[in-house]
PDB file of N, CA and C in Angstrom:
ATOM      1  N   MET A   1      11.009  20.281  13.424  1.00  0.00           N
ATOM      2  CA  MET A   1      11.756  20.095  12.314  1.00  0.00           C
ATOM      3  C   MET A   1      10.399  19.288  11.178  1.00  0.00           C
ATOM      4  N   GLU A   2       9.643  19.676  10.015  1.00  0.00           N
ATOM      5  CA  GLU A   2       9.200  18.592   9.356  1.00  0.00           C
ATOM      6  C   GLU A   2       9.737  17.971   8.389  1.00  0.00           C
ATOM      7  N   LYS A   3       9.361  16.776   8.289  1.00  0.00           N
ATOM      8  CA  LYS A   3       9.634  15.787   7.730  1.00  0.00           C
ATOM      9  C   LYS A   3       9.568  16.090   6.395  1.00  0.00           C
ATOM     10  N   GLU A   4      10.723  15.712   5.415  1.00  0.00           N
ATOM     11  CA  GLU A   4      10.985  15.643   3.939  1.00  0.00           C
ATOM     12  C   GLU A   4      10.218  15.259   3.572  1.00  0.00           C
ATOM     13  N   ILE A   5       9.387  16.053   2.856  1.00  0.00           N
ATOM     14  CA  ILE A   5       8.383  15.509   1.459  1.00  0.00           C
ATOM     15  C   ILE A   5       9.108  14.638   0.808  1.00  0.00           C
ATOM     16  N   ASN A   6       9.001  13.176   0.276  1.00  0.00           N
ATOM     17  CA  ASN A   6       9.717  12.274  -0.478  1.00  0.00           C
ATOM     18  C   ASN A   6       9.035  12.476  -2.083  1.00  0.00           C
ATOM     19  N   LYS A   7      10.043  12.915  -2.839  1.00  0.00           N
ATOM     20  CA  LYS A   7      10.107  13.332  -4.263  1.00  0.00           C
ATOM     21  C   LYS A   7       9.234  12.245  -4.981  1.00  0.00           C
ATOM     22  N   HIS A   8       9.621  11.142  -4.257  1.00  0.00           N
ATOM     23  CA  HIS A   8       9.051   9.628  -5.538  1.00  0.00           C
ATOM     24  C   HIS A   8       7.763   9.669  -4.855  1.00  0.00           C
ATOM     25  N   LEU A   9       7.265   9.963  -4.085  1.00  0.00           N
ATOM     26  CA  LEU A   9       5.627   9.685  -3.332  1.00  0.00           C
ATOM     27  C   LEU A   9       4.737  11.140  -4.344  1.00  0.00           C
ATOM     28  N   VAL A  10       5.584  11.987  -4.331  1.00  0.00           N
ATOM     29  CA  VAL A  10       4.627  13.172  -4.894  1.00  0.00           C
ATOM     30  C   VAL A  10       4.635  12.969  -6.412  1.00  0.00           C
ATOM     31  N   LEU A  11       5.536  12.259  -6.991  1.00  0.00           N
ATOM     32  CA  LEU A  11       5.914  11.681  -8.703  1.00  0.00           C
ATOM     33  C   LEU A  11       5.328  10.090  -8.646  1.00  0.00           C
ATOM     34  N   ALA A  12       4.526   9.895  -7.888  1.00  0.00           N
ATOM     35  CA  ALA A  12       3.554   7.826  -7.711  1.00  0.00           C
ATOM     36  C   ALA A  12       2.285   8.712  -7.410  1.00  0.00           C
ATOM     37  N   LYS A  13       1.446   9.810  -6.791  1.00  0.00           N
ATOM     38  CA  LYS A  13       0.607  10.477  -6.807  1.00  0.00           C
ATOM     39  C   LYS A  13      -0.075  11.045  -8.046  1.00  0.00           C
ATOM     40  N   ASP A  14       0.879  11.880  -8.776  1.00  0.00           N
ATOM     41  CA  ASP A  14       1.106  12.535 -10.021  1.00  0.00           C
ATOM     42  C   ASP A  14       0.304  11.355 -10.644  1.00  0.00           C
ATOM     43  N   ALA A  15       1.589  10.039 -10.954  1.00  0.00           N
ATOM     44  CA  ALA A  15       1.233   9.389 -12.077  1.00  0.00           C
ATOM     45  C   ALA A  15      -0.039   8.799 -11.860  1.00  0.00           C
ATOM     46  N   ILE A  16      -0.194   8.128 -10.790  1.00  0.00           N
ATOM     47  CA  ILE A  16      -1.916   7.794 -10.620  1.00  0.00           C
ATOM     48  C   ILE A  16      -2.755   8.939 -11.122  1.00  0.00           C
ATOM     49  N   LYS A  17      -2.437   9.842 -10.762  1.00  0.00           N
ATOM     50  CA  LYS A  17      -3.814  11.066 -11.667  1.00  0.00           C
ATOM     51  C   LYS A  17      -3.684  10.351 -12.856  1.00  0.00           C
ATOM     52  N   LYS A  18      -2.891  10.248 -13.658  1.00  0.00           N
ATOM     53  CA  LYS A  18      -2.769  10.627 -15.044  1.00  0.00           C
ATOM     54  C   LYS A  18      -2.869   8.902 -15.292  1.00  0.00           C
ATOM     55  N   GLY A  19      -3.434   8.199 -14.399  1.00  0.00           N
ATOM     56  CA  GLY A  19      -3.666   6.846 -14.856  1.00  0.00           C
ATOM     57  C   GLY A  19      -2.159   6.126 -15.456  1.00  0.00           C
ATOM     58  N   ASP A  20      -0.863   6.074 -15.079  1.00  0.00           N
ATOM     59  CA  ASP A  20       0.547   5.825 -15.274  1.00  0.00           C
ATOM     60  C   ASP A  20       0.520   4.542 -14.274  1.00  0.00           C
ATOM     61  N   LEU A  21      -0.145   3.819 -14.220  1.00  0.00           N
ATOM     62  CA  LEU A  21       0.022   2.846 -12.991  1.00  0.00           C
ATOM     63  C   LEU A  21       1.723   2.466 -12.639  1.00  0.00           C
ATOM     64  N   ILE A  22       2.043   1.754 -13.789  1.00  0.00           N
ATOM     65  CA  ILE A  22       3.513   1.279 -13.655  1.00  0.00           C
ATOM     66  C   ILE A  22       4.459   2.400 -13.039  1.00  0.00           C
ATOM     67  N   THR A  23       4.414   3.341 -13.556  1.00  0.00           N
ATOM     68  CA  THR A  23       5.526   4.495 -13.054  1.00  0.00           C
ATOM     69  C   THR A  23       5.448   4.787 -12.072  1.00  0.00           C
ATOM     70  N   ALA A  24       3.834   4.885 -11.202  1.00  0.00           N
ATOM     71  CA  ALA A  24       3.326   5.002  -9.613  1.00  0.00           C
ATOM     72  C   ALA A  24       3.931   3.949  -9.099  1.00  0.00           C
ATOM     73  N   THR A  25       3.853   2.872  -9.723  1.00  0.00           N
ATOM     74  CA  THR A  25       4.360   1.440  -8.851  1.00  0.00           C
ATOM     75  C   THR A  25       5.650   1.614  -8.455  1.00  0.00           C
ATOM     76  N   VAL A  26       6.560   2.126  -9.851  1.00  0.00           N
ATOM     77  CA  VAL A  26       8.106   1.997  -9.229  1.00  0.00           C
ATOM     78  C   VAL A  26       8.615   3.652  -8.643  1.00  0.00           C
ATOM     79  N   GLU A  27       7.494   4.550  -8.935  1.00  0.00           N
ATOM     80  CA  GLU A  27       8.206   5.671  -7.808  1.00  0.00           C
ATOM     81  C   GLU A  27       7.505   5.160  -6.152  1.00  0.00           C
ATOM     82  N   LEU A  28       6.751   4.616  -6.508  1.00  0.00           N
ATOM     83  CA  LEU A  28       6.446   4.052  -4.713  1.00  0.00           C
ATOM     84  C   LEU A  28       7.548   3.279  -3.973  1.00  0.00           C
ATOM     85  N   THR A  29       8.195   2.324  -4.789  1.00  0.00           N
ATOM     86  CA  THR A  29       9.015   1.342  -4.930  1.00  0.00           C
ATOM     87  C   THR A  29      10.200   2.090  -4.328  1.00  0.00           C
ATOM     88  N   GLU A  30      10.732   3.136  -5.179  1.00  0.00           N
ATOM     89  CA  GLU A  30      11.733   4.129  -4.903  1.00  0.00           C
ATOM     90  C   GLU A  30      11.164   4.702  -3.223  1.00  0.00           C
ATOM     91  N   THR A  31       9.909   5.163  -2.966  1.00  0.00           N
ATOM     92  CA  THR A  31       9.717   5.706  -1.670  1.00  0.00           C
ATOM     93  C   THR A  31       9.811   5.085  -0.749  1.00  0.00           C
ATOM     94  N   ILE A  32       9.690   3.832  -1.028  1.00  0.00           N
ATOM     95  CA  ILE A  32       9.750   2.547   0.141  1.00  0.00           C
ATOM     96  C   ILE A  32      11.351   2.307   0.344  1.00  0.00           C
ATOM     97  N   LYS A  33      11.847   2.541  -0.891  1.00  0.00           N
ATOM     98  CA  LYS A  33      13.454   2.368  -0.541  1.00  0.00           C
ATOM     99  C   LYS A  33      14.366   3.612   0.457  1.00  0.00           C
ATOM    100  N   GLU A  34      13.939   4.700   0.210  1.00  0.00           N
ATOM    101  CA  GLU A  34      14.320   5.898   0.714  1.00  0.00           C
ATOM    102  C   GLU A  34      13.617   6.375   2.227  1.00  0.00           C
ATOM    103  N   ASP A  35      12.559   5.709   2.169  1.00  0.00           N
ATOM    104  CA  ASP A  35      11.581   5.418   3.867  1.00  0.00           C
ATOM    105  C   ASP A  35      10.857   4.457   3.993  1.00  0.00           C
ATOM    106  N   GLU A  36      11.593   3.366   4.542  1.00  0.00           N
ATOM    107  CA  GLU A  36      10.924   1.929   4.664  1.00  0.00           C
ATOM    108  C   GLU A  36       9.772   2.107   6.001  1.00  0.00           C
ATOM    109  N   ARG A  37       9.787   3.141   6.230  1.00  0.00           N
ATOM    110  CA  ARG A  37       8.051   3.291   7.327  1.00  0.00           C
ATOM    111  C   ARG A  37       7.413   4.176   6.792  1.00  0.00           C
ATOM    112  N   CYS A  38       7.455   5.006   5.120  1.00  0.00           N
ATOM    113  CA  CYS A  38       5.977   5.471   5.186  1.00  0.00           C
ATOM    114  C   CYS A  38       4.725   4.510   4.786  1.00  0.00           C
ATOM    115  N   ALA A  39       3.606   4.103   5.622  1.00  0.00           N
ATOM    116  CA  ALA A  39       2.769   3.787   5.398  1.00  0.00           C
ATOM    117  C   ALA A  39       1.788   3.613   4.377  1.00  0.00           C
ATOM    118  N   GLU A  40       1.825   5.340   3.613  1.00  0.00           N
ATOM    119  CA  GLU A  40       1.455   5.287   2.695  1.00  0.00           C
ATOM    120  C   GLU A  40       1.583   4.730   1.214  1.00  0.00           C
ATOM    121  N   ALA A  41       2.528   4.949   1.245  1.00  0.00           N
ATOM    122  CA  ALA A  41       3.228   4.322   0.141  1.00  0.00           C
ATOM    123  C   ALA A  41       3.067   2.422   0.325  1.00  0.00           C
ATOM    124  N   TYR A  42       3.244   2.147   1.313  1.00  0.00           N
ATOM    125  CA  TYR A  42       2.812   0.706   1.093  1.00  0.00           C
ATOM    126  C   TYR A  42       1.619   0.881   0.731  1.00  0.00           C
ATOM    127  N   VAL A  43       1.090   1.055   1.318  1.00  0.00           N
ATOM    128  CA  VAL A  43      -0.743   1.273   1.225  1.00  0.00           C
ATOM    129  C   VAL A  43      -1.536   1.610  -0.446  1.00  0.00           C
ATOM    130  N   LEU A  44      -0.426   2.139  -0.851  1.00  0.00           N
ATOM    131  CA  LEU A  44      -0.784   2.945  -2.467  1.00  0.00           C
ATOM    132  C   LEU A  44      -0.494   1.928  -3.331  1.00  0.00           C
ATOM    133  N   ARG A  45       1.024   0.756  -2.851  1.00  0.00           N
ATOM    134  CA  ARG A  45       1.109   0.192  -3.682  1.00  0.00           C
ATOM    135  C   ARG A  45       0.548  -1.505  -3.674  1.00  0.00           C
ATOM    136  N   ALA A  46       0.031  -1.268  -2.436  1.00  0.00           N
ATOM    137  CA  ALA A  46      -0.717  -2.311  -2.231  1.00  0.00           C
ATOM    138  C   ALA A  46      -2.255  -2.051  -2.953  1.00  0.00           C
ATOM    139  N   GLN A  47      -2.500  -1.077  -3.343  1.00  0.00           N
ATOM    140  CA  GLN A  47      -3.427  -1.201  -3.709  1.00  0.00           C
ATOM    141  C   GLN A  47      -3.840  -0.824  -5.899  1.00  0.00           C
ATOM    142  N   LEU A  48      -2.646  -1.008  -5.990  1.00  0.00           N
ATOM    143  CA  LEU A  48      -1.847  -1.147  -7.416  1.00  0.00           C
ATOM    144  C   LEU A  48      -1.688  -2.144  -7.695  1.00  0.00           C
ATOM    145  N   SER A  49      -1.256  -3.125  -6.691  1.00  0.00           N
ATOM    146  CA  SER A  49      -1.193  -4.753  -6.549  1.00  0.00           C
ATOM    147  C   SER A  49      -2.304  -5.516  -7.307  1.00  0.00           C
ATOM    148  N   MET A  50      -3.197  -4.635  -6.028  1.00  0.00           N
ATOM    149  CA  MET A  50      -4.285  -5.717  -6.516  1.00  0.00           C
ATOM    150  C   MET A  50      -4.814  -5.503  -7.860  1.00  0.00           C
ATOM    151  N   ALA A  51      -4.677  -4.178  -8.356  1.00  0.00           N
ATOM    152  CA  ALA A  51      -4.931  -3.586  -9.796  1.00  0.00           C
ATOM    153  C   ALA A  51      -4.774  -4.748 -10.365  1.00  0.00           C
ATOM    154  N   PHE A  52      -3.804  -5.196 -10.216  1.00  0.00           N
ATOM    155  CA  PHE A  52      -2.675  -6.051 -11.384  1.00  0.00           C
ATOM    156  C   PHE A  52      -2.598  -7.230 -11.044  1.00  0.00           C
ATOM    157  N   GLY A  53      -3.840  -7.521 -10.288  1.00  0.00           N
ATOM    158  CA  GLY A  53      -3.969  -9.055 -10.049  1.00  0.00           C
ATOM    159  C   GLY A  53      -2.931  -9.556  -9.231  1.00  0.00           C
ATOM    160  N   ASP A  54      -2.208  -9.193  -8.746  1.00  0.00           N
ATOM    161  CA  ASP A  54      -1.135  -9.512  -7.104  1.00  0.00           C
ATOM    162  C   ASP A  54      -1.335  -9.605  -6.261  1.00  0.00           C
ATOM    163  N   ARG A  55      -2.332 -10.210  -6.113  1.00  0.00           N
ATOM    164  CA  ARG A  55      -2.982 -10.557  -4.129  1.00  0.00           C
ATOM    165  C   ARG A  55      -1.863 -10.820  -3.422  1.00  0.00           C
ATOM    166  N   ASP A  56      -0.661 -11.680  -3.699  1.00  0.00           N
ATOM    167  CA  ASP A  56       0.081 -11.787  -2.488  1.00  0.00           C
ATOM    168  C   ASP A  56       1.436 -10.620  -2.653  1.00  0.00           C
ATOM    169  N   GLY A  57       1.479  -9.232  -3.283  1.00  0.00           N
ATOM    170  CA  GLY A  57       1.989  -8.440  -3.365  1.00  0.00           C
ATOM    171  C   GLY A  57       1.297  -7.396  -2.417  1.00  0.00           C
ATOM    172  N   ALA A  58      -0.246  -7.364  -2.478  1.00  0.00           N
ATOM    173  CA  ALA A  58      -0.383  -6.458  -2.254  1.00  0.00           C
ATOM    174  C   ALA A  58      -0.947  -6.796  -0.192  1.00  0.00           C
ATOM    175  N   ALA A  59      -0.957  -8.682  -0.055  1.00  0.00           N
ATOM    176  CA  ALA A  59      -1.231  -8.583   1.240  1.00  0.00           C
ATOM    177  C   ALA A  59       0.131  -8.609   1.739  1.00  0.00           C
ATOM    178  N   LYS A  60       1.790  -8.445   1.292  1.00  0.00           N
ATOM    179  CA  LYS A  60       2.967  -8.404   1.909  1.00  0.00           C
ATOM    180  C   LYS A  60       2.376  -6.619   2.030  1.00  0.00           C
ATOM    181  N   ASP A  61       2.331  -5.984   0.984  1.00  0.00           N
ATOM    182  CA  ASP A  61       2.508  -4.533   1.578  1.00  0.00           C
ATOM    183  C   ASP A  61       1.314  -3.877   2.223  1.00  0.00           C
ATOM    184  N   PHE A  62       0.484  -4.144   2.673  1.00  0.00           N
ATOM    185  CA  PHE A  62      -0.988  -3.680   3.577  1.00  0.00           C
ATOM    186  C   PHE A  62      -0.656  -4.982   5.030  1.00  0.00           C
ATOM    187  N   GLU A  63       0.321  -5.465   4.929  1.00  0.00           N
ATOM    188  CA  GLU A  63       0.729  -5.982   5.829  1.00  0.00           C
ATOM    189  C   GLU A  63       2.161  -5.509   6.833  1.00  0.00           C
ATOM    190  N   LYS A  64       2.821  -5.044   5.541  1.00  0.00           N
ATOM    191  CA  LYS A  64       3.671  -4.098   6.231  1.00  0.00           C
ATOM    192  C   LYS A  64       3.496  -2.516   6.803  1.00  0.00           C
ATOM    193  N   ALA A  65       2.247  -1.946   5.720  1.00  0.00           N
ATOM    194  CA  ALA A  65       1.892  -0.694   6.338  1.00  0.00           C
ATOM    195  C   ALA A  65       0.955  -0.650   7.355  1.00  0.00           C
ATOM    196  N   VAL A  66       0.859  -1.958   8.109  1.00  0.00           N
ATOM    197  CA  VAL A  66      -0.305  -1.873   9.266  1.00  0.00           C
ATOM    198  C   VAL A  66       1.211  -2.001  10.005  1.00  0.00           C
ATOM    199  N   SER A  67       1.941  -2.786  10.227  1.00  0.00           N
ATOM    200  CA  SER A  67       2.814  -2.948  11.446  1.00  0.00           C
ATOM    201  C   SER A  67       3.976  -1.395  11.506  1.00  0.00           C
ATOM    202  N   VAL A  68       3.631  -0.688  10.218  1.00  0.00           N
ATOM    203  CA  VAL A  68       4.583   0.645   9.976  1.00  0.00           C
ATOM    204  C   VAL A  68       3.125   1.381  11.199  1.00  0.00           C
ATOM    205  N   ASP A  69       1.516   1.108  10.792  1.00  0.00           N
ATOM    206  CA  ASP A  69       1.229   2.452  11.509  1.00  0.00           C
ATOM    207  C   ASP A  69      -0.132   1.243  11.670  1.00  0.00           C
ATOM    208  N   PRO A  70      -0.098   0.721  12.967  1.00  0.00           N
ATOM    209  CA  PRO A  70      -0.955  -0.231  13.103  1.00  0.00           C
ATOM    210  C   PRO A  70      -2.695   0.420  13.024  1.00  0.00           C
ATOM    211  N   SER A  71      -3.052   1.918  13.115  1.00  0.00           N
ATOM    212  CA  SER A  71      -4.153   2.451  13.161  1.00  0.00           C
ATOM    213  C   SER A  71      -4.911   2.116  11.756  1.00  0.00           C
ATOM    214  N   LEU A  72      -3.885   1.538  10.522  1.00  0.00           N
ATOM    215  CA  LEU A  72      -4.364   1.704   9.455  1.00  0.00           C
ATOM    216  C   LEU A  72      -5.170   0.519   9.417  1.00  0.00           C
ATOM    217  N   LEU A  73      -4.968  -0.750  10.581  1.00  0.00           N
ATOM    218  CA  LEU A  73      -5.932  -2.148  10.004  1.00  0.00           C
ATOM    219  C   LEU A  73      -7.122  -1.856   9.876  1.00  0.00           C
ATOM    220  N   GLU A  74      -7.914  -1.153  10.649  1.00  0.00           N
ATOM    221  CA  GLU A  74      -9.535  -1.235   9.865  1.00  0.00           C
ATOM    222  C   GLU A  74      -9.260  -0.418   8.637  1.00  0.00           C
ATOM    223  N   SER A  75      -8.866   0.286   7.901  1.00  0.00           N
ATOM    224  CA  SER A  75      -9.130   0.825   6.768  1.00  0.00           C
ATOM    225  C   SER A  75      -8.977  -0.035   6.045  1.00  0.00           C
ATOM    226  N   VAL A  76      -7.362  -1.134   6.078  1.00  0.00           N
ATOM    227  CA  VAL A  76      -6.998  -2.158   5.267  1.00  0.00           C
ATOM    228  C   VAL A  76      -8.014  -3.259   5.183  1.00  0.00           C
ATOM    229  N   SER A  77      -9.077  -3.518   6.142  1.00  0.00           N
ATOM    230  CA  SER A  77      -9.756  -4.294   6.645  1.00  0.00           C
ATOM    231  C   SER A  77     -11.108  -3.978   5.610  1.00  0.00           C
ATOM    232  N   GLY A  78     -11.256  -2.886   5.619  1.00  0.00           N
ATOM    233  CA  GLY A  78     -12.230  -2.477   4.758  1.00  0.00           C
ATOM    234  C   GLY A  78     -12.170  -2.691   3.161  1.00  0.00           C
ATOM    235  N   GLU A  79     -10.713  -2.774   3.019  1.00  0.00           N
ATOM    236  CA  GLU A  79     -10.199  -3.033   1.376  1.00  0.00           C
ATOM    237  C   GLU A  79     -10.626  -4.311   0.870  1.00  0.00           C
ATOM    238  N   PHE A  80     -10.955  -5.301   1.808  1.00  0.00           N
ATOM    239  CA  PHE A  80     -11.640  -6.999   1.220  1.00  0.00           C
ATOM    240  C   PHE A  80     -12.597  -7.319   1.951  1.00  0.00           C
ATOM    241  N   LYS A  81     -13.377  -6.041   2.041  1.00  0.00           N
ATOM    242  CA  LYS A  81     -14.768  -7.009   2.981  1.00  0.00           C
ATOM    243  C   LYS A  81     -15.530  -8.013   2.087  1.00  0.00           C
ATOM    244  N   ASN A  82     -14.832  -8.244   0.701  1.00  0.00           N
ATOM    245  CA  ASN A  82     -15.954  -9.105   0.089  1.00  0.00           C
ATOM    246  C   ASN A  82     -15.128  -9.879  -0.780  1.00  0.00           C
ATOM    247  N   ARG A  83     -14.060 -10.224  -0.088  1.00  0.00           N
ATOM    248  CA  ARG A  83     -13.264 -11.073  -0.803  1.00  0.00           C
ATOM    249  C   ARG A  83     -12.358 -11.750   0.077  1.00  0.00           C
ATOM    250  N   GLU A  84     -13.133 -12.751   0.440  1.00  0.00           N
ATOM    251  CA  GLU A  84     -13.084 -13.814   1.428  1.00  0.00           C
ATOM    252  C   GLU A  84     -11.415 -15.033   0.778  1.00  0.00           C
ATOM    253  N   GLU A  85     -11.354 -15.106  -0.540  1.00  0.00           N
ATOM    254  CA  GLU A  85     -10.296 -15.901  -0.911  1.00  0.00           C
ATOM    255  C   GLU A  85      -9.108 -15.287  -0.885  1.00  0.00           C
ATOM    256  N   ASN A  86      -9.174 -13.803  -0.619  1.00  0.00           N
ATOM    257  CA  ASN A  86      -7.694 -13.467  -0.290  1.00  0.00           C
ATOM    258  C   ASN A  86      -6.688 -13.516   0.202  1.00  0.00           C
ATOM    259  N   PRO A  87      -5.338 -13.318  -0.208  1.00  0.00           N
ATOM    260  CA  PRO A  87      -4.271 -13.667   1.654  1.00  0.00           C
ATOM    261  C   PRO A  87      -4.240 -12.995   2.451  1.00  0.00           C
ATOM    262  N   VAL A  88      -4.507 -11.576   2.195  1.00  0.00           N
ATOM    263  CA  VAL A  88      -4.986 -10.470   2.843  1.00  0.00           C
ATOM    264  C   VAL A  88      -5.491 -11.145   4.153  1.00  0.00           C
ATOM    265  N   PHE A  89      -6.279 -11.983   3.692  1.00  0.00           N
ATOM    266  CA  PHE A  89      -6.840 -12.141   5.378  1.00  0.00           C
ATOM    267  C   PHE A  89      -6.063 -12.939   6.408  1.00  0.00           C
ATOM    268  N   LYS A  90      -4.861 -13.126   5.765  1.00  0.00           N
ATOM    269  CA  LYS A  90      -3.432 -13.843   6.718  1.00  0.00           C
ATOM    270  C   LYS A  90      -3.188 -13.087   7.695  1.00  0.00           C
ATOM    271  N   VAL A  91      -3.215 -11.937   7.501  1.00  0.00           N
ATOM    272  CA  VAL A  91      -2.486 -10.632   7.981  1.00  0.00           C
ATOM    273  C   VAL A  91      -3.001 -10.869   9.489  1.00  0.00           C
ATOM    274  N   LYS A  92      -2.021 -11.048  10.457  1.00  0.00           N
ATOM    275  CA  LYS A  92      -2.041 -10.930  11.379  1.00  0.00           C
ATOM    276  C   LYS A  92      -2.968  -9.994  12.169  1.00  0.00           C
ATOM    277  N   GLY A  93      -3.868 -10.220  12.754  1.00  0.00           N
ATOM    278  CA  GLY A  93      -4.740  -8.975  13.141  1.00  0.00           C
ATOM    279  C   GLY A  93      -5.924  -8.301  12.499  1.00  0.00           C
ATOM    280  N   LEU A  94      -6.046  -9.169  11.075  1.00  0.00           N
ATOM    281  CA  LEU A  94      -7.163  -8.294   9.837  1.00  0.00           C
ATOM    282  C   LEU A  94      -7.653  -9.230   9.961  1.00  0.00           C
ATOM    283  N   LYS A  95      -9.243  -8.451  10.501  1.00  0.00           N
ATOM    284  CA  LYS A  95     -10.525  -9.274  10.748  1.00  0.00           C
ATOM    285  C   LYS A  95     -11.570  -8.995   9.173  1.00  0.00           C
ATOM    286  N   ARG A  96     -12.289  -9.981   9.528  1.00  0.00           N
ATOM    287  CA  ARG A  96     -13.461  -9.343   8.167  1.00  0.00           C
ATOM    288  C   ARG A  96     -14.448  -9.031   8.763  1.00  0.00           C
ATOM    289  N   LYS A  97     -15.121  -7.906   8.067  1.00  0.00           N
ATOM    290  CA  LYS A  97     -16.248  -7.367   8.267  1.00  0.00           C
ATOM    291  C   LYS A  97     -17.140  -8.267   8.314  1.00  0.00           C
TER     292      LYS A  97
END
């Protein structure tokens, strides 16, 4: 049986396309409330947090995304190649490139 698509994730992606980042953030939070194992929602919300200057929030969401899906570690590392001051580097297992 296929996993049901989370309607909040769909709404979040639509909001991102329209540039409505606040609505996107709200919808991603609702996605996570419904499915705490949705790594994609954590990654997207982390990227939005970075856009808003919330590096601590981004670090927490990236860390959660990697804990849900360890294969994301490489791509999350790439998000912060040139940002040594970023607390994301404190995520266990995350290495600078």
